[in-house]
């Protein structure tokens, strides 16, 4: 299941997580973001036992997007122990995200 996080809850949801956390930085007006949505949902269903999956709307939560230098969307960041371990800009094949969770 994909959960939504915000500027207010990002610390708790992502940075303090005890397992890998995948965050999709997106906006509702973004066509490629809408293409990634179903792929991200499917990954969360299939790999939810290995990682937590979150979406962060960059229009509603500019502080976190700015902190991580998000200038293009969709951008997916993989966090491990509160630090970014991987970054993907643009829509990638599902296997790319799956491999990032596994590594």
PDB file of N, CA and C in Angstrom:
ATOM      1  N   UNK A   1       0.837  -1.180   0.000  1.00  0.00           N
ATOM      2  CA  UNK A   1       0.000   0.000   0.000  1.00  0.00           C
ATOM      3  C   UNK A   1       0.890   1.255   0.000  1.00  0.00           C
ATOM      4  N   UNK A   2       0.558   2.189  -0.850  1.00  0.00           N
ATOM      5  CA  UNK A   2       1.271   3.464  -0.909  1.00  0.00           C
ATOM      6  C   UNK A   2       0.593   4.431   0.058  1.00  0.00           C
ATOM      7  N   UNK A   3       1.400   5.049   0.904  1.00  0.00           N
ATOM      8  CA  UNK A   3       0.891   6.050   1.837  1.00  0.00           C
ATOM      9  C   UNK A   3       1.354   7.423   1.363  1.00  0.00           C
ATOM     10  N   UNK A   4       0.698   8.445   1.847  1.00  0.00           N
ATOM     11  CA  UNK A   4       1.086   9.814   1.512  1.00  0.00           C
ATOM     12  C   UNK A   4       1.801  10.422   2.704  1.00  0.00           C
ATOM     13  N   UNK A   5       2.855  11.191   2.427  1.00  0.00           N
ATOM     14  CA  UNK A   5       3.564  11.906   3.486  1.00  0.00           C
ATOM     15  C   UNK A   5       3.570  13.390   3.159  1.00  0.00           C
ATOM     16  N   UNK A   6       3.952  14.176   4.134  1.00  0.00           N
ATOM     17  CA  UNK A   6       3.927  15.633   4.002  1.00  0.00           C
ATOM     18  C   UNK A   6       5.206  16.214   4.583  1.00  0.00           C
ATOM     19  N   UNK A   7       5.389  17.521   4.383  1.00  0.00           N
ATOM     20  CA  UNK A   7       6.522  18.211   5.008  1.00  0.00           C
ATOM     21  C   UNK A   7       6.523  17.948   6.517  1.00  0.00           C
ATOM     22  N   UNK A   8       5.347  17.971   7.109  1.00  0.00           N
ATOM     23  CA  UNK A   8       5.204  17.823   8.558  1.00  0.00           C
ATOM     24  C   UNK A   8       5.571  16.417   9.047  1.00  0.00           C
ATOM     25  N   UNK A   9       5.246  15.387   8.267  1.00  0.00           N
ATOM     26  CA  UNK A   9       5.432  14.012   8.718  1.00  0.00           C
ATOM     27  C   UNK A   9       6.611  13.281   8.075  1.00  0.00           C
ATOM     28  N   UNK A  10       7.351  13.954   7.218  1.00  0.00           N
ATOM     29  CA  UNK A  10       8.436  13.309   6.482  1.00  0.00           C
ATOM     30  C   UNK A  10       9.502  12.731   7.415  1.00  0.00           C
ATOM     31  N   UNK A  11       9.857  13.455   8.441  1.00  0.00           N
ATOM     32  CA  UNK A  11      10.867  12.982   9.402  1.00  0.00           C
ATOM     33  C   UNK A  11      10.448  11.626   9.961  1.00  0.00           C
ATOM     34  N   UNK A  12       9.251  11.555  10.467  1.00  0.00           N
ATOM     35  CA  UNK A  12       8.746  10.318  11.073  1.00  0.00           C
ATOM     36  C   UNK A  12       8.553   9.215  10.040  1.00  0.00           C
ATOM     37  N   UNK A  13       7.904   9.556   8.932  1.00  0.00           N
ATOM     38  CA  UNK A  13       7.548   8.554   7.933  1.00  0.00           C
ATOM     39  C   UNK A  13       8.748   7.982   7.198  1.00  0.00           C
ATOM     40  N   UNK A  14       9.711   8.827   6.881  1.00  0.00           N
ATOM     41  CA  UNK A  14      10.810   8.421   5.992  1.00  0.00           C
ATOM     42  C   UNK A  14      12.159   8.366   6.706  1.00  0.00           C
ATOM     43  N   UNK A  15      12.554   9.464   7.298  1.00  0.00           N
ATOM     44  CA  UNK A  15      13.910   9.546   7.855  1.00  0.00           C
ATOM     45  C   UNK A  15      14.114   8.667   9.080  1.00  0.00           C
ATOM     46  N   UNK A  16      13.065   8.421   9.838  1.00  0.00           N
ATOM     47  CA  UNK A  16      13.171   7.577  11.023  1.00  0.00           C
ATOM     48  C   UNK A  16      12.721   6.140  10.764  1.00  0.00           C
ATOM     49  N   UNK A  17      12.441   5.812   9.528  1.00  0.00           N
ATOM     50  CA  UNK A  17      11.974   4.457   9.189  1.00  0.00           C
ATOM     51  C   UNK A  17      13.072   3.437   9.467  1.00  0.00           C
ATOM     52  N   UNK A  18      12.658   2.257   9.878  1.00  0.00           N
ATOM     53  CA  UNK A  18      13.615   1.199  10.202  1.00  0.00           C
ATOM     54  C   UNK A  18      13.889   0.281   9.020  1.00  0.00           C
ATOM     55  N   UNK A  19      13.164   0.469   7.934  1.00  0.00           N
ATOM     56  CA  UNK A  19      13.419  -0.335   6.738  1.00  0.00           C
ATOM     57  C   UNK A  19      13.481   0.581   5.523  1.00  0.00           C
ATOM     58  N   UNK A  20      13.910   0.059   4.379  1.00  0.00           N
ATOM     59  CA  UNK A  20      13.996   0.928   3.197  1.00  0.00           C
ATOM     60  C   UNK A  20      12.665   1.629   2.923  1.00  0.00           C
ATOM     61  N   UNK A  21      12.770   2.861   2.477  1.00  0.00           N
ATOM     62  CA  UNK A  21      11.582   3.661   2.182  1.00  0.00           C
ATOM     63  C   UNK A  21      11.747   4.280   0.806  1.00  0.00           C
ATOM     64  N   UNK A  22      10.729   4.106  -0.022  1.00  0.00           N
ATOM     65  CA  UNK A  22      10.734   4.608  -1.393  1.00  0.00           C
ATOM     66  C   UNK A  22       9.727   5.756  -1.465  1.00  0.00           C
ATOM     67  N   UNK A  23      10.188   6.924  -1.934  1.00  0.00           N
ATOM     68  CA  UNK A  23       9.317   8.099  -1.990  1.00  0.00           C
ATOM     69  C   UNK A  23       9.199   8.579  -3.433  1.00  0.00           C
ATOM     70  N   UNK A  24       7.964   8.676  -3.892  1.00  0.00           N
ATOM     71  CA  UNK A  24       7.640   9.200  -5.220  1.00  0.00           C
ATOM     72  C   UNK A  24       7.263  10.668  -5.061  1.00  0.00           C
ATOM     73  N   UNK A  25       8.112  11.564  -5.565  1.00  0.00           N
ATOM     74  CA  UNK A  25       7.828  13.003  -5.574  1.00  0.00           C
ATOM     75  C   UNK A  25       7.041  13.284  -6.852  1.00  0.00           C
ATOM     76  N   UNK A  26       5.840  13.811  -6.723  1.00  0.00           N
ATOM     77  CA  UNK A  26       4.930  13.920  -7.850  1.00  0.00           C
ATOM     78  C   UNK A  26       4.046  15.164  -7.714  1.00  0.00           C
ATOM     79  N   UNK A  27       3.230  15.400  -8.748  1.00  0.00           N
ATOM     80  CA  UNK A  27       2.196  16.440  -8.722  1.00  0.00           C
ATOM     81  C   UNK A  27       1.032  15.943  -9.571  1.00  0.00           C
ATOM     82  N   UNK A  28      -0.192  16.312  -9.219  1.00  0.00           N
ATOM     83  CA  UNK A  28      -1.360  15.800  -9.937  1.00  0.00           C
ATOM     84  C   UNK A  28      -1.457  16.252 -11.398  1.00  0.00           C
ATOM     85  N   UNK A  29      -0.833  17.374 -11.746  1.00  0.00           N
ATOM     86  CA  UNK A  29      -0.901  17.887 -13.118  1.00  0.00           C
ATOM     87  C   UNK A  29       0.143  17.243 -14.029  1.00  0.00           C
ATOM     88  N   UNK A  30       1.029  16.441 -13.485  1.00  0.00           N
ATOM     89  CA  UNK A  30       2.169  15.879 -14.215  1.00  0.00           C
ATOM     90  C   UNK A  30       1.781  14.567 -14.899  1.00  0.00           C
ATOM     91  N   UNK A  31       1.786  14.573 -16.236  1.00  0.00           N
ATOM     92  CA  UNK A  31       1.427  13.379 -17.004  1.00  0.00           C
ATOM     93  C   UNK A  31       2.291  12.166 -16.687  1.00  0.00           C
ATOM     94  N   UNK A  32       3.622  12.290 -16.743  1.00  0.00           N
ATOM     95  CA  UNK A  32       4.466  11.143 -16.401  1.00  0.00           C
ATOM     96  C   UNK A  32       4.242  10.645 -14.968  1.00  0.00           C
ATOM     97  N   UNK A  33       3.914  11.561 -14.054  1.00  0.00           N
ATOM     98  CA  UNK A  33       3.627  11.145 -12.673  1.00  0.00           C
ATOM     99  C   UNK A  33       2.390  10.253 -12.636  1.00  0.00           C
ATOM    100  N   UNK A  34       1.398  10.607 -13.433  1.00  0.00           N
ATOM    101  CA  UNK A  34       0.184   9.791 -13.489  1.00  0.00           C
ATOM    102  C   UNK A  34       0.469   8.433 -14.123  1.00  0.00           C
ATOM    103  N   UNK A  35       1.426   8.380 -15.039  1.00  0.00           N
ATOM    104  CA  UNK A  35       1.827   7.091 -15.624  1.00  0.00           C
ATOM    105  C   UNK A  35       2.526   6.218 -14.582  1.00  0.00           C
ATOM    106  N   UNK A  36       3.349   6.832 -13.734  1.00  0.00           N
ATOM    107  CA  UNK A  36       4.085   6.090 -12.721  1.00  0.00           C
ATOM    108  C   UNK A  36       3.170   5.596 -11.605  1.00  0.00           C
ATOM    109  N   UNK A  37       2.105   6.310 -11.335  1.00  0.00           N
ATOM    110  CA  UNK A  37       1.219   5.981 -10.210  1.00  0.00           C
ATOM    111  C   UNK A  37       0.830   4.518 -10.111  1.00  0.00           C
ATOM    112  N   UNK A  38       0.237   3.936 -11.170  1.00  0.00           N
ATOM    113  CA  UNK A  38      -0.168   2.527 -11.092  1.00  0.00           C
ATOM    114  C   UNK A  38       1.019   1.576 -10.928  1.00  0.00           C
ATOM    115  N   UNK A  39       2.148   1.905 -11.530  1.00  0.00           N
ATOM    116  CA  UNK A  39       3.355   1.076 -11.392  1.00  0.00           C
ATOM    117  C   UNK A  39       3.815   1.097  -9.940  1.00  0.00           C
ATOM    118  N   UNK A  40       3.825   2.277  -9.344  1.00  0.00           N
ATOM    119  CA  UNK A  40       4.257   2.448  -7.960  1.00  0.00           C
ATOM    120  C   UNK A  40       3.313   1.700  -7.014  1.00  0.00           C
ATOM    121  N   UNK A  41       2.008   1.783  -7.284  1.00  0.00           N
ATOM    122  CA  UNK A  41       1.013   1.067  -6.472  1.00  0.00           C
ATOM    123  C   UNK A  41       1.250  -0.445  -6.547  1.00  0.00           C
ATOM    124  N   UNK A  42       1.499  -0.945  -7.740  1.00  0.00           N
ATOM    125  CA  UNK A  42       1.742  -2.383  -7.927  1.00  0.00           C
ATOM    126  C   UNK A  42       3.012  -2.819  -7.187  1.00  0.00           C
ATOM    127  N   UNK A  43       4.060  -2.012  -7.274  1.00  0.00           N
ATOM    128  CA  UNK A  43       5.295  -2.318  -6.550  1.00  0.00           C
ATOM    129  C   UNK A  43       5.052  -2.376  -5.043  1.00  0.00           C
ATOM    130  N   UNK A  44       4.272  -1.444  -4.539  1.00  0.00           N
ATOM    131  CA  UNK A  44       3.976  -1.417  -3.105  1.00  0.00           C
ATOM    132  C   UNK A  44       3.228  -2.677  -2.691  1.00  0.00           C
ATOM    133  N   UNK A  45       2.322  -3.135  -3.531  1.00  0.00           N
ATOM    134  CA  UNK A  45       1.584  -4.362  -3.235  1.00  0.00           C
ATOM    135  C   UNK A  45       2.515  -5.569  -3.254  1.00  0.00           C
ATOM    136  N   UNK A  46       3.384  -5.628  -4.259  1.00  0.00           N
ATOM    137  CA  UNK A  46       4.246  -6.796  -4.437  1.00  0.00           C
ATOM    138  C   UNK A  46       5.457  -6.788  -3.506  1.00  0.00           C
ATOM    139  N   UNK A  47       6.006  -5.619  -3.219  1.00  0.00           N
ATOM    140  CA  UNK A  47       7.234  -5.522  -2.430  1.00  0.00           C
ATOM    141  C   UNK A  47       7.036  -4.814  -1.086  1.00  0.00           C
ATOM    142  N   UNK A  48       5.788  -4.655  -0.684  1.00  0.00           N
ATOM    143  CA  UNK A  48       5.484  -3.950   0.561  1.00  0.00           C
ATOM    144  C   UNK A  48       6.044  -4.605   1.803  1.00  0.00           C
ATOM    145  N   UNK A  49       6.375  -5.879   1.728  1.00  0.00           N
ATOM    146  CA  UNK A  49       6.962  -6.553   2.886  1.00  0.00           C
ATOM    147  C   UNK A  49       8.450  -6.217   3.031  1.00  0.00           C
ATOM    148  N   UNK A  50       9.042  -5.655   1.972  1.00  0.00           N
ATOM    149  CA  UNK A  50      10.477  -5.343   1.978  1.00  0.00           C
ATOM    150  C   UNK A  50      10.773  -3.867   2.211  1.00  0.00           C
ATOM    151  N   UNK A  51       9.795  -2.998   1.934  1.00  0.00           N
ATOM    152  CA  UNK A  51      10.021  -1.551   2.021  1.00  0.00           C
ATOM    153  C   UNK A  51       8.697  -0.838   2.234  1.00  0.00           C
ATOM    154  N   UNK A  52       8.787   0.415   2.678  1.00  0.00           N
ATOM    155  CA  UNK A  52       7.615   1.281   2.792  1.00  0.00           C
ATOM    156  C   UNK A  52       7.582   2.185   1.567  1.00  0.00           C
ATOM    157  N   UNK A  53       6.403   2.444   1.049  1.00  0.00           N
ATOM    158  CA  UNK A  53       6.220   3.252  -0.154  1.00  0.00           C
ATOM    159  C   UNK A  53       5.381   4.475   0.186  1.00  0.00           C
ATOM    160  N   UNK A  54       5.909   5.660  -0.176  1.00  0.00           N
ATOM    161  CA  UNK A  54       5.221   6.914   0.078  1.00  0.00           C
ATOM    162  C   UNK A  54       5.190   7.767  -1.187  1.00  0.00           C
ATOM    163  N   UNK A  55       4.164   8.632  -1.269  1.00  0.00           N
ATOM    164  CA  UNK A  55       4.089   9.661  -2.297  1.00  0.00           C
ATOM    165  C   UNK A  55       4.117  11.006  -1.579  1.00  0.00           C
ATOM    166  N   UNK A  56       4.784  11.976  -2.201  1.00  0.00           N
ATOM    167  CA  UNK A  56       4.823  13.326  -1.660  1.00  0.00           C
ATOM    168  C   UNK A  56       4.488  14.301  -2.776  1.00  0.00           C
ATOM    169  N   UNK A  57       3.380  15.008  -2.628  1.00  0.00           N
ATOM    170  CA  UNK A  57       2.942  15.999  -3.607  1.00  0.00           C
ATOM    171  C   UNK A  57       3.830  17.240  -3.456  1.00  0.00           C
ATOM    172  N   UNK A  58       4.634  17.527  -4.487  1.00  0.00           N
ATOM    173  CA  UNK A  58       5.606  18.624  -4.396  1.00  0.00           C
ATOM    174  C   UNK A  58       4.939  20.001  -4.362  1.00  0.00           C
ATOM    175  N   UNK A  59       3.749  20.121  -4.922  1.00  0.00           N
ATOM    176  CA  UNK A  59       3.053  21.408  -4.890  1.00  0.00           C
ATOM    177  C   UNK A  59       2.566  21.732  -3.480  1.00  0.00           C
ATOM    178  N   UNK A  60       2.120  20.714  -2.770  1.00  0.00           N
ATOM    179  CA  UNK A  60       1.594  20.912  -1.429  1.00  0.00           C
ATOM    180  C   UNK A  60       2.678  20.841  -0.348  1.00  0.00           C
ATOM    181  N   UNK A  61       3.857  20.310  -0.720  1.00  0.00           N
ATOM    182  CA  UNK A  61       4.934  20.103   0.253  1.00  0.00           C
ATOM    183  C   UNK A  61       6.277  20.559  -0.324  1.00  0.00           C
ATOM    184  N   UNK A  62       6.415  21.856  -0.571  1.00  0.00           N
ATOM    185  CA  UNK A  62       7.623  22.354  -1.233  1.00  0.00           C
ATOM    186  C   UNK A  62       8.891  22.284  -0.385  1.00  0.00           C
ATOM    187  N   UNK A  63       8.744  22.258   0.938  1.00  0.00           N
ATOM    188  CA  UNK A  63       9.935  22.271   1.799  1.00  0.00           C
ATOM    189  C   UNK A  63      10.791  21.021   1.589  1.00  0.00           C
ATOM    190  N   UNK A  64      10.188  19.867   1.628  1.00  0.00           N
ATOM    191  CA  UNK A  64      10.936  18.616   1.468  1.00  0.00           C
ATOM    192  C   UNK A  64      11.465  18.500   0.044  1.00  0.00           C
ATOM    193  N   UNK A  65      10.643  18.863  -0.929  1.00  0.00           N
ATOM    194  CA  UNK A  65      11.088  18.804  -2.330  1.00  0.00           C
ATOM    195  C   UNK A  65      12.325  19.681  -2.519  1.00  0.00           C
ATOM    196  N   UNK A  66      12.320  20.857  -1.933  1.00  0.00           N
ATOM    197  CA  UNK A  66      13.465  21.763  -2.038  1.00  0.00           C
ATOM    198  C   UNK A  66      14.684  21.198  -1.317  1.00  0.00           C
ATOM    199  N   UNK A  67      14.473  20.634  -0.149  1.00  0.00           N
ATOM    200  CA  UNK A  67      15.581  20.079   0.643  1.00  0.00           C
ATOM    201  C   UNK A  67      16.345  19.006  -0.141  1.00  0.00           C
ATOM    202  N   UNK A  68      15.623  18.233  -0.940  1.00  0.00           N
ATOM    203  CA  UNK A  68      16.259  17.149  -1.694  1.00  0.00           C
ATOM    204  C   UNK A  68      16.531  17.525  -3.152  1.00  0.00           C
ATOM    205  N   UNK A  69      16.406  18.799  -3.482  1.00  0.00           N
ATOM    206  CA  UNK A  69      16.763  19.279  -4.807  1.00  0.00           C
ATOM    207  C   UNK A  69      15.898  18.735  -5.923  1.00  0.00           C
ATOM    208  N   UNK A  70      14.629  18.495  -5.624  1.00  0.00           N
ATOM    209  CA  UNK A  70      13.715  17.960  -6.633  1.00  0.00           C
ATOM    210  C   UNK A  70      13.336  19.085  -7.596  1.00  0.00           C
ATOM    211  N   UNK A  71      13.830  18.998  -8.824  1.00  0.00           N
ATOM    212  CA  UNK A  71      13.523  20.014  -9.830  1.00  0.00           C
ATOM    213  C   UNK A  71      12.724  19.438 -10.991  1.00  0.00           C
ATOM    214  N   UNK A  72      12.681  18.137 -11.105  1.00  0.00           N
ATOM    215  CA  UNK A  72      11.905  17.476 -12.142  1.00  0.00           C
ATOM    216  C   UNK A  72      11.113  16.348 -11.521  1.00  0.00           C
ATOM    217  N   UNK A  73       9.912  16.148 -12.030  1.00  0.00           N
ATOM    218  CA  UNK A  73       9.077  15.069 -11.507  1.00  0.00           C
ATOM    219  C   UNK A  73       8.550  14.215 -12.658  1.00  0.00           C
ATOM    220  N   UNK A  74       8.307  12.963 -12.410  1.00  0.00           N
ATOM    221  CA  UNK A  74       8.462  12.297 -11.127  1.00  0.00           C
ATOM    222  C   UNK A  74       9.931  12.034 -10.802  1.00  0.00           C
ATOM    223  N   UNK A  75      10.236  12.127  -9.536  1.00  0.00           N
ATOM    224  CA  UNK A  75      11.528  11.708  -9.006  1.00  0.00           C
ATOM    225  C   UNK A  75      11.244  10.722  -7.886  1.00  0.00           C
ATOM    226  N   UNK A  76      11.943   9.614  -7.902  1.00  0.00           N
ATOM    227  CA  UNK A  76      11.800   8.603  -6.857  1.00  0.00           C
ATOM    228  C   UNK A  76      13.118   8.517  -6.103  1.00  0.00           C
ATOM    229  N   UNK A  77      13.041   8.676  -4.785  1.00  0.00           N
ATOM    230  CA  UNK A  77      14.211   8.539  -3.928  1.00  0.00           C
ATOM    231  C   UNK A  77      14.047   7.309  -3.052  1.00  0.00           C
ATOM    232  N   UNK A  78      15.133   6.564  -2.918  1.00  0.00           N
ATOM    233  CA  UNK A  78      15.168   5.402  -2.028  1.00  0.00           C
ATOM    234  C   UNK A  78      15.985   5.808  -0.808  1.00  0.00           C
ATOM    235  N   UNK A  79      15.383   5.670   0.364  1.00  0.00           N
ATOM    236  CA  UNK A  79      16.044   6.014   1.622  1.00  0.00           C
ATOM    237  C   UNK A  79      16.366   4.747   2.399  1.00  0.00           C
ATOM    238  N   UNK A  80      17.567   4.720   2.956  1.00  0.00           N
ATOM    239  CA  UNK A  80      17.988   3.659   3.876  1.00  0.00           C
ATOM    240  C   UNK A  80      18.638   4.343   5.070  1.00  0.00           C
ATOM    241  N   UNK A  81      18.165   4.023   6.244  1.00  0.00           N
ATOM    242  CA  UNK A  81      18.682   4.626   7.480  1.00  0.00           C
ATOM    243  C   UNK A  81      18.665   6.151   7.412  1.00  0.00           C
ATOM    244  N   UNK A  82      17.617   6.704   6.829  1.00  0.00           N
ATOM    245  CA  UNK A  82      17.443   8.152   6.786  1.00  0.00           C
ATOM    246  C   UNK A  82      18.251   8.890   5.739  1.00  0.00           C
ATOM    247  N   UNK A  83      18.961   8.153   4.899  1.00  0.00           N
ATOM    248  CA  UNK A  83      19.789   8.788   3.863  1.00  0.00           C
ATOM    249  C   UNK A  83      19.380   8.286   2.482  1.00  0.00           C
ATOM    250  N   UNK A  84      19.511   9.156   1.490  1.00  0.00           N
ATOM    251  CA  UNK A  84      19.185   8.776   0.114  1.00  0.00           C
ATOM    252  C   UNK A  84      20.240   7.791  -0.384  1.00  0.00           C
ATOM    253  N   UNK A  85      19.773   6.633  -0.831  1.00  0.00           N
ATOM    254  CA  UNK A  85      20.709   5.646  -1.377  1.00  0.00           C
ATOM    255  C   UNK A  85      20.604   5.532  -2.901  1.00  0.00           C
ATOM    256  N   UNK A  86      19.448   5.891  -3.442  1.00  0.00           N
ATOM    257  CA  UNK A  86      19.266   5.857  -4.907  1.00  0.00           C
ATOM    258  C   UNK A  86      18.314   6.975  -5.309  1.00  0.00           C
ATOM    259  N   UNK A  87      18.462   7.429  -6.555  1.00  0.00           N
ATOM    260  CA  UNK A  87      17.577   8.461  -7.098  1.00  0.00           C
ATOM    261  C   UNK A  87      17.260   8.124  -8.540  1.00  0.00           C
ATOM    262  N   UNK A  88      15.988   8.259  -8.901  1.00  0.00           N
ATOM    263  CA  UNK A  88      15.545   8.021 -10.272  1.00  0.00           C
ATOM    264  C   UNK A  88      14.697   9.208 -10.708  1.00  0.00           C
ATOM    265  N   UNK A  89      15.074   9.822 -11.820  1.00  0.00           N
ATOM    266  CA  UNK A  89      14.321  10.953 -12.352  1.00  0.00           C
ATOM    267  C   UNK A  89      13.601  10.480 -13.596  1.00  0.00           C
ATOM    268  N   UNK A  90      12.309  10.765 -13.663  1.00  0.00           N
ATOM    269  CA  UNK A  90      11.505  10.292 -14.781  1.00  0.00           C
ATOM    270  C   UNK A  90      10.987   8.888 -14.523  1.00  0.00           C
ATOM    271  N   UNK A  91      10.096   8.451 -15.380  1.00  0.00           N
ATOM    272  CA  UNK A  91       9.491   7.124 -15.236  1.00  0.00           C
ATOM    273  C   UNK A  91      10.501   6.070 -15.678  1.00  0.00           C
ATOM    274  N   UNK A  92      10.702   5.082 -14.824  1.00  0.00           N
ATOM    275  CA  UNK A  92      11.614   3.977 -15.102  1.00  0.00           C
ATOM    276  C   UNK A  92      10.796   2.681 -15.198  1.00  0.00           C
ATOM    277  N   UNK A  93      11.366   1.655 -15.800  1.00  0.00           N
ATOM    278  CA  UNK A  93      10.683   0.356 -15.783  1.00  0.00           C
ATOM    279  C   UNK A  93      10.530  -0.142 -14.344  1.00  0.00           C
ATOM    280  N   UNK A  94       9.470  -0.870 -14.076  1.00  0.00           N
ATOM    281  CA  UNK A  94       9.197  -1.352 -12.721  1.00  0.00           C
ATOM    282  C   UNK A  94      10.382  -2.115 -12.138  1.00  0.00           C
ATOM    283  N   UNK A  95      11.093  -2.852 -12.962  1.00  0.00           N
ATOM    284  CA  UNK A  95      12.206  -3.665 -12.461  1.00  0.00           C
ATOM    285  C   UNK A  95      13.321  -2.798 -11.870  1.00  0.00           C
ATOM    286  N   UNK A  96      13.491  -1.604 -12.374  1.00  0.00           N
ATOM    287  CA  UNK A  96      14.520  -0.693 -11.844  1.00  0.00           C
ATOM    288  C   UNK A  96      14.207  -0.377 -10.375  1.00  0.00           C
ATOM    289  N   UNK A  97      12.950  -0.067 -10.085  1.00  0.00           N
ATOM    290  CA  UNK A  97      12.556   0.229  -8.709  1.00  0.00           C
ATOM    291  C   UNK A  97      12.641  -1.036  -7.849  1.00  0.00           C
ATOM    292  N   UNK A  98      12.233  -2.151  -8.413  1.00  0.00           N
ATOM    293  CA  UNK A  98      12.281  -3.425  -7.684  1.00  0.00           C
ATOM    294  C   UNK A  98      13.728  -3.759  -7.293  1.00  0.00           C
ATOM    295  N   UNK A  99      14.657  -3.562  -8.225  1.00  0.00           N
ATOM    296  CA  UNK A  99      16.068  -3.821  -7.942  1.00  0.00           C
ATOM    297  C   UNK A  99      16.593  -2.883  -6.848  1.00  0.00           C
ATOM    298  N   UNK A 100      16.114  -1.642  -6.842  1.00  0.00           N
ATOM    299  CA  UNK A 100      16.554  -0.678  -5.824  1.00  0.00           C
ATOM    300  C   UNK A 100      16.087  -1.100  -4.434  1.00  0.00           C
ATOM    301  N   UNK A 101      14.913  -1.688  -4.356  1.00  0.00           N
ATOM    302  CA  UNK A 101      14.406  -2.175  -3.076  1.00  0.00           C
ATOM    303  C   UNK A 101      15.242  -3.354  -2.606  1.00  0.00           C
ATOM    304  N   UNK A 102      15.606  -4.213  -3.535  1.00  0.00           N
ATOM    305  CA  UNK A 102      16.326  -5.443  -3.188  1.00  0.00           C
ATOM    306  C   UNK A 102      17.791  -5.197  -2.826  1.00  0.00           C
ATOM    307  N   UNK A 103      18.385  -4.141  -3.372  1.00  0.00           N
ATOM    308  CA  UNK A 103      19.829  -3.940  -3.148  1.00  0.00           C
ATOM    309  C   UNK A 103      20.126  -3.197  -1.869  1.00  0.00           C
TER     310      UNK A 103
END
